[in-house]
Every structure is written in C-alpha cells, then in structure tokens.
N, C-alpha and C. Protein backbone atom coordinates (compact mmCIF):
# COMPACT_ATOMS: atom_id res chain seq x y z
N MET A 1 -28.21 4.55 -17.25
CA MET A 1 -28.21 3.77 -18.48
C MET A 1 -26.80 3.25 -18.72
N GLN A 2 -26.68 1.97 -19.02
CA GLN A 2 -25.36 1.38 -19.25
C GLN A 2 -24.82 1.82 -20.60
N ARG A 3 -23.52 2.12 -20.61
CA ARG A 3 -22.88 2.62 -21.82
C ARG A 3 -22.99 1.63 -22.99
N GLU A 4 -22.93 0.32 -22.71
CA GLU A 4 -23.00 -0.69 -23.78
C GLU A 4 -24.34 -0.66 -24.49
N LYS A 5 -25.39 -0.27 -23.81
CA LYS A 5 -26.73 -0.27 -24.39
C LYS A 5 -27.06 1.04 -25.11
N LEU A 6 -26.11 1.94 -25.18
CA LEU A 6 -26.36 3.24 -25.80
C LEU A 6 -26.35 3.20 -27.33
N ASP A 7 -25.62 2.28 -27.92
CA ASP A 7 -25.37 2.32 -29.35
C ASP A 7 -26.61 2.40 -30.23
N ASP A 8 -27.60 1.61 -29.97
CA ASP A 8 -28.76 1.55 -30.87
C ASP A 8 -29.56 2.84 -30.94
N LYS A 9 -29.92 3.38 -29.81
CA LYS A 9 -30.80 4.55 -29.83
C LYS A 9 -30.11 5.87 -29.51
N LEU A 10 -28.82 5.83 -29.21
CA LEU A 10 -28.11 7.05 -28.83
C LEU A 10 -28.19 8.16 -29.87
N PRO A 11 -27.86 7.90 -31.14
CA PRO A 11 -27.92 9.01 -32.11
C PRO A 11 -29.28 9.68 -32.16
N SER A 12 -30.35 8.91 -32.19
CA SER A 12 -31.67 9.53 -32.29
C SER A 12 -32.03 10.29 -31.02
N GLU A 13 -31.61 9.81 -29.85
CA GLU A 13 -31.87 10.53 -28.61
C GLU A 13 -31.12 11.86 -28.55
N ILE A 14 -29.86 11.84 -28.96
CA ILE A 14 -29.06 13.08 -28.96
C ILE A 14 -29.62 14.05 -30.00
N ILE A 15 -29.94 13.55 -31.18
CA ILE A 15 -30.51 14.41 -32.22
C ILE A 15 -31.81 15.06 -31.72
N LYS A 16 -32.63 14.31 -31.03
CA LYS A 16 -33.87 14.86 -30.50
C LYS A 16 -33.59 15.98 -29.49
N MET A 17 -32.61 15.78 -28.61
CA MET A 17 -32.26 16.80 -27.63
C MET A 17 -31.73 18.05 -28.31
N VAL A 18 -30.88 17.86 -29.31
CA VAL A 18 -30.32 19.00 -30.05
C VAL A 18 -31.44 19.73 -30.80
N ALA A 19 -32.34 18.99 -31.41
CA ALA A 19 -33.45 19.60 -32.15
C ALA A 19 -34.31 20.46 -31.24
N GLU A 20 -34.47 20.04 -29.99
CA GLU A 20 -35.26 20.82 -29.05
C GLU A 20 -34.53 22.11 -28.62
N ALA A 21 -33.22 22.13 -28.78
CA ALA A 21 -32.43 23.30 -28.37
C ALA A 21 -32.24 24.33 -29.47
N THR A 22 -32.52 23.97 -30.71
CA THR A 22 -32.30 24.89 -31.82
C THR A 22 -33.57 25.64 -32.19
N VAL A 23 -33.39 26.81 -32.76
CA VAL A 23 -34.53 27.59 -33.26
C VAL A 23 -34.73 27.35 -34.75
N ILE A 24 -33.82 26.62 -35.36
CA ILE A 24 -33.89 26.31 -36.79
C ILE A 24 -35.01 25.31 -37.01
N GLN A 25 -35.86 25.58 -37.97
CA GLN A 25 -37.03 24.74 -38.23
C GLN A 25 -36.78 23.77 -39.38
N ARG A 26 -35.99 22.74 -39.10
CA ARG A 26 -35.76 21.67 -40.07
C ARG A 26 -35.24 20.46 -39.32
N SER A 27 -35.15 19.34 -40.01
CA SER A 27 -34.63 18.13 -39.38
C SER A 27 -33.16 18.30 -39.03
N VAL A 28 -32.77 17.76 -37.90
CA VAL A 28 -31.38 17.79 -37.45
C VAL A 28 -30.74 16.46 -37.80
N THR A 29 -29.48 16.52 -38.27
CA THR A 29 -28.73 15.31 -38.59
C THR A 29 -27.42 15.29 -37.80
N GLU A 30 -26.77 14.15 -37.80
CA GLU A 30 -25.48 14.02 -37.11
C GLU A 30 -24.42 14.93 -37.72
N ASN A 31 -24.54 15.26 -38.99
CA ASN A 31 -23.53 16.07 -39.68
C ASN A 31 -23.72 17.57 -39.51
N ASP A 32 -24.79 17.98 -38.85
CA ASP A 32 -25.04 19.41 -38.64
C ASP A 32 -24.04 20.02 -37.67
N GLU A 33 -23.58 21.22 -38.02
CA GLU A 33 -22.73 22.02 -37.14
C GLU A 33 -23.62 22.65 -36.08
N VAL A 34 -23.26 22.46 -34.83
CA VAL A 34 -24.09 22.94 -33.72
C VAL A 34 -24.27 24.45 -33.76
N TYR A 35 -23.20 25.19 -34.01
CA TYR A 35 -23.33 26.65 -34.07
C TYR A 35 -23.66 27.13 -35.47
N TYR A 36 -22.85 26.76 -36.45
CA TYR A 36 -22.98 27.35 -37.78
C TYR A 36 -24.29 27.00 -38.48
N GLN A 37 -24.81 25.80 -38.30
CA GLN A 37 -26.05 25.43 -38.98
C GLN A 37 -27.27 25.48 -38.06
N LEU A 38 -27.08 25.11 -36.80
CA LEU A 38 -28.23 25.03 -35.89
C LEU A 38 -28.35 26.24 -34.98
N ARG A 39 -27.35 27.10 -34.98
CA ARG A 39 -27.37 28.35 -34.20
C ARG A 39 -27.59 28.14 -32.70
N ILE A 40 -26.98 27.09 -32.17
CA ILE A 40 -27.03 26.85 -30.72
C ILE A 40 -25.72 27.37 -30.14
N TYR A 41 -25.81 28.32 -29.24
CA TYR A 41 -24.62 28.91 -28.64
C TYR A 41 -25.00 29.53 -27.30
N GLY A 42 -23.99 30.00 -26.58
CA GLY A 42 -24.23 30.67 -25.30
C GLY A 42 -24.88 29.75 -24.28
N ASP A 43 -25.80 30.31 -23.50
CA ASP A 43 -26.47 29.55 -22.45
C ASP A 43 -27.22 28.32 -22.97
N PRO A 44 -27.93 28.41 -24.10
CA PRO A 44 -28.61 27.20 -24.59
C PRO A 44 -27.64 26.05 -24.89
N LEU A 45 -26.46 26.36 -25.42
CA LEU A 45 -25.47 25.31 -25.68
C LEU A 45 -24.96 24.72 -24.38
N TYR A 46 -24.65 25.59 -23.43
CA TYR A 46 -24.19 25.12 -22.12
C TYR A 46 -25.25 24.23 -21.46
N GLU A 47 -26.50 24.67 -21.51
CA GLU A 47 -27.58 23.90 -20.89
C GLU A 47 -27.80 22.56 -21.60
N LEU A 48 -27.69 22.54 -22.92
CA LEU A 48 -27.82 21.30 -23.68
C LEU A 48 -26.74 20.30 -23.27
N LEU A 49 -25.50 20.75 -23.24
CA LEU A 49 -24.40 19.85 -22.89
C LEU A 49 -24.48 19.41 -21.43
N THR A 50 -24.96 20.29 -20.56
CA THR A 50 -25.13 19.92 -19.16
C THR A 50 -26.19 18.83 -19.02
N GLU A 51 -27.29 18.97 -19.76
CA GLU A 51 -28.34 17.95 -19.72
C GLU A 51 -27.83 16.62 -20.27
N ILE A 52 -27.10 16.66 -21.38
CA ILE A 52 -26.54 15.44 -21.97
C ILE A 52 -25.54 14.80 -21.00
N ALA A 53 -24.68 15.62 -20.41
CA ALA A 53 -23.68 15.11 -19.46
C ALA A 53 -24.35 14.41 -18.29
N SER A 54 -25.40 15.01 -17.78
CA SER A 54 -26.11 14.44 -16.65
C SER A 54 -26.82 13.14 -17.03
N ARG A 55 -27.51 13.16 -18.14
CA ARG A 55 -28.29 11.99 -18.56
C ARG A 55 -27.41 10.80 -18.93
N TYR A 56 -26.28 11.08 -19.59
CA TYR A 56 -25.44 10.00 -20.11
C TYR A 56 -24.10 9.86 -19.38
N HIS A 57 -23.95 10.55 -18.28
CA HIS A 57 -22.72 10.47 -17.47
C HIS A 57 -21.48 10.71 -18.33
N THR A 58 -21.49 11.84 -19.01
CA THR A 58 -20.41 12.21 -19.92
C THR A 58 -19.70 13.45 -19.40
N ASP A 59 -18.38 13.43 -19.45
CA ASP A 59 -17.56 14.54 -18.96
C ASP A 59 -17.16 15.44 -20.14
N PHE A 60 -17.73 16.63 -20.18
CA PHE A 60 -17.40 17.60 -21.22
C PHE A 60 -16.42 18.66 -20.71
N SER A 61 -15.79 18.45 -19.57
CA SER A 61 -14.95 19.49 -18.97
C SER A 61 -13.75 19.86 -19.84
N ALA A 62 -13.30 18.98 -20.72
CA ALA A 62 -12.17 19.30 -21.59
C ALA A 62 -12.58 20.12 -22.81
N LEU A 63 -13.87 20.33 -23.00
CA LEU A 63 -14.37 21.12 -24.13
C LEU A 63 -14.44 22.59 -23.74
N ASP A 64 -13.70 23.41 -24.44
CA ASP A 64 -13.74 24.86 -24.23
C ASP A 64 -14.80 25.42 -25.18
N LEU A 65 -15.97 25.73 -24.64
CA LEU A 65 -17.07 26.19 -25.49
C LEU A 65 -16.74 27.43 -26.29
N ARG A 66 -15.81 28.25 -25.78
CA ARG A 66 -15.44 29.47 -26.51
C ARG A 66 -14.78 29.19 -27.84
N THR A 67 -14.30 27.95 -28.04
CA THR A 67 -13.65 27.61 -29.30
C THR A 67 -14.62 27.08 -30.35
N VAL A 68 -15.84 26.71 -29.93
CA VAL A 68 -16.80 26.12 -30.86
C VAL A 68 -18.04 26.97 -31.12
N ALA A 69 -18.26 27.99 -30.29
CA ALA A 69 -19.44 28.85 -30.46
C ALA A 69 -19.26 30.12 -29.64
N PRO A 70 -19.93 31.18 -30.06
CA PRO A 70 -19.84 32.41 -29.27
C PRO A 70 -20.63 32.28 -27.97
N GLY A 71 -20.27 33.12 -27.00
CA GLY A 71 -21.02 33.18 -25.76
C GLY A 71 -22.23 34.07 -25.93
N GLU A 72 -22.91 34.34 -24.86
CA GLU A 72 -24.11 35.18 -24.91
C GLU A 72 -23.79 36.57 -25.44
N GLY A 73 -22.70 37.16 -25.01
CA GLY A 73 -22.31 38.49 -25.49
C GLY A 73 -21.28 38.36 -26.58
N ALA A 74 -21.63 37.69 -27.67
CA ALA A 74 -20.69 37.41 -28.75
C ALA A 74 -20.05 38.69 -29.27
N SER A 75 -18.75 38.62 -29.49
CA SER A 75 -18.04 39.80 -29.98
C SER A 75 -18.45 40.12 -31.41
N LEU A 76 -18.46 41.38 -31.74
CA LEU A 76 -18.90 41.81 -33.07
C LEU A 76 -17.99 41.32 -34.18
N TRP A 77 -16.69 41.25 -33.93
CA TRP A 77 -15.79 40.85 -35.01
C TRP A 77 -16.02 39.42 -35.44
N LYS A 78 -16.34 38.52 -34.50
CA LYS A 78 -16.61 37.14 -34.90
C LYS A 78 -17.90 37.06 -35.70
N GLY A 79 -18.89 37.84 -35.33
CA GLY A 79 -20.14 37.88 -36.09
C GLY A 79 -19.90 38.44 -37.48
N PHE A 80 -19.04 39.45 -37.58
CA PHE A 80 -18.71 40.06 -38.86
C PHE A 80 -17.97 39.06 -39.74
N ILE A 81 -17.01 38.34 -39.17
CA ILE A 81 -16.27 37.33 -39.93
C ILE A 81 -17.21 36.24 -40.43
N SER A 82 -18.12 35.80 -39.57
CA SER A 82 -19.10 34.77 -39.96
C SER A 82 -19.98 35.27 -41.09
N ALA A 83 -20.41 36.53 -41.03
CA ALA A 83 -21.26 37.11 -42.06
C ALA A 83 -20.55 37.15 -43.41
N LEU A 84 -19.23 37.25 -43.39
CA LEU A 84 -18.45 37.29 -44.63
C LEU A 84 -18.06 35.90 -45.12
N GLY A 85 -18.52 34.87 -44.42
CA GLY A 85 -18.23 33.51 -44.86
C GLY A 85 -17.08 32.86 -44.11
N GLY A 86 -16.44 33.60 -43.20
CA GLY A 86 -15.36 33.01 -42.41
C GLY A 86 -15.91 32.18 -41.27
N LYS A 87 -15.07 31.35 -40.70
CA LYS A 87 -15.50 30.51 -39.58
C LYS A 87 -14.50 30.67 -38.43
N PRO A 88 -14.80 31.58 -37.50
CA PRO A 88 -13.88 31.81 -36.39
C PRO A 88 -13.93 30.73 -35.31
N PHE A 89 -14.86 29.79 -35.42
CA PHE A 89 -14.98 28.73 -34.42
C PHE A 89 -14.66 27.38 -35.04
N LYS A 90 -14.17 26.46 -34.21
CA LYS A 90 -13.86 25.11 -34.66
C LYS A 90 -15.14 24.37 -35.02
N SER A 91 -14.98 23.38 -35.87
CA SER A 91 -16.10 22.52 -36.23
C SER A 91 -16.60 21.80 -34.97
N PHE A 92 -17.90 21.78 -34.78
CA PHE A 92 -18.52 21.12 -33.63
C PHE A 92 -19.87 20.59 -34.10
N LYS A 93 -19.89 19.31 -34.42
CA LYS A 93 -21.07 18.69 -35.01
C LYS A 93 -21.85 17.87 -33.98
N VAL A 94 -23.08 17.59 -34.31
CA VAL A 94 -23.90 16.71 -33.49
C VAL A 94 -23.18 15.37 -33.33
N ALA A 95 -22.53 14.90 -34.39
CA ALA A 95 -21.77 13.64 -34.33
C ALA A 95 -20.66 13.70 -33.28
N ASP A 96 -20.07 14.87 -33.05
CA ASP A 96 -19.04 15.02 -32.02
C ASP A 96 -19.62 14.81 -30.62
N ILE A 97 -20.83 15.28 -30.42
CA ILE A 97 -21.50 15.08 -29.13
C ILE A 97 -21.78 13.60 -28.92
N ILE A 98 -22.27 12.94 -29.96
CA ILE A 98 -22.57 11.51 -29.88
C ILE A 98 -21.30 10.72 -29.58
N ALA A 99 -20.19 11.07 -30.24
CA ALA A 99 -18.92 10.39 -30.01
C ALA A 99 -18.44 10.58 -28.56
N ALA A 100 -18.62 11.78 -28.03
CA ALA A 100 -18.22 12.04 -26.64
C ALA A 100 -19.05 11.21 -25.67
N VAL A 101 -20.34 11.10 -25.93
CA VAL A 101 -21.19 10.28 -25.05
C VAL A 101 -20.77 8.82 -25.11
N ARG A 102 -20.49 8.34 -26.30
CA ARG A 102 -20.04 6.94 -26.44
C ARG A 102 -18.72 6.70 -25.71
N ALA A 103 -17.82 7.70 -25.76
CA ALA A 103 -16.52 7.57 -25.11
C ALA A 103 -16.59 7.83 -23.60
N GLY A 104 -17.62 8.57 -23.19
CA GLY A 104 -17.75 8.93 -21.79
C GLY A 104 -17.14 10.28 -21.44
N ASN A 105 -16.46 10.89 -22.44
CA ASN A 105 -15.87 12.21 -22.22
C ASN A 105 -15.49 12.87 -23.54
N TRP A 106 -15.23 14.18 -23.47
CA TRP A 106 -14.80 14.93 -24.64
C TRP A 106 -13.33 14.63 -24.87
N GLN A 107 -12.98 14.27 -26.12
CA GLN A 107 -11.60 13.86 -26.40
C GLN A 107 -10.94 14.62 -27.52
N LYS A 108 -11.53 15.67 -28.04
CA LYS A 108 -10.91 16.37 -29.18
C LYS A 108 -9.89 17.36 -28.71
C-alpha cells in the first residue's frame, strides 16, 4: 500500500487492529492509551506492532516497549505504582501508532 494513500482510512484501520488486540469491551479511539486504558502489553503488544509494521512497512525498532508497557512478567512494583494512580510508563496512544505509520517509523 502506498504511503500517500494511507491518510483517509489509516486511523480506522489501525483502530480496528488495536480493538482486536484489547480485552477491553468498548470503542477504541485515537486518544486511548495502549497500556493504561486498553491494557495491551507484553506479547500481544509486540504482536500488534509486528503486524502493523509488516502491513504498513513501518519501522518500530526505535521504540523501546519496556518504556511504554510492562512485559509478560511485569514487575510487582510497577503494578503497585499503577494501582496507586502512578504511571511508571510513558504515554503511548493509538494516535502515536498512527503517526509512526504515517512517518514510516517510530520517531519519539
């Protein structure tokens, strides 16, 4: 798919892919936090980004997933901090994924 033709339907396509990866039962928007609101982390997050990278020829290699979501064996202290209202991970929204696809790579 040519990058110039992505603009019109890209957000809805990415939102659909993200919605399929989350266990949260509600509509997904561009402003949703991938981990904090949609609870996508670990292998499902890796698989989602791998699928998006493959489909849209996007390079996510500069994205350190450990900074935006816990891994499969998430440490207890980060879970404890999150339970108390803290946010040990950087903001990572559906809109950030869309922006990376439009740019062709992760740039944050």
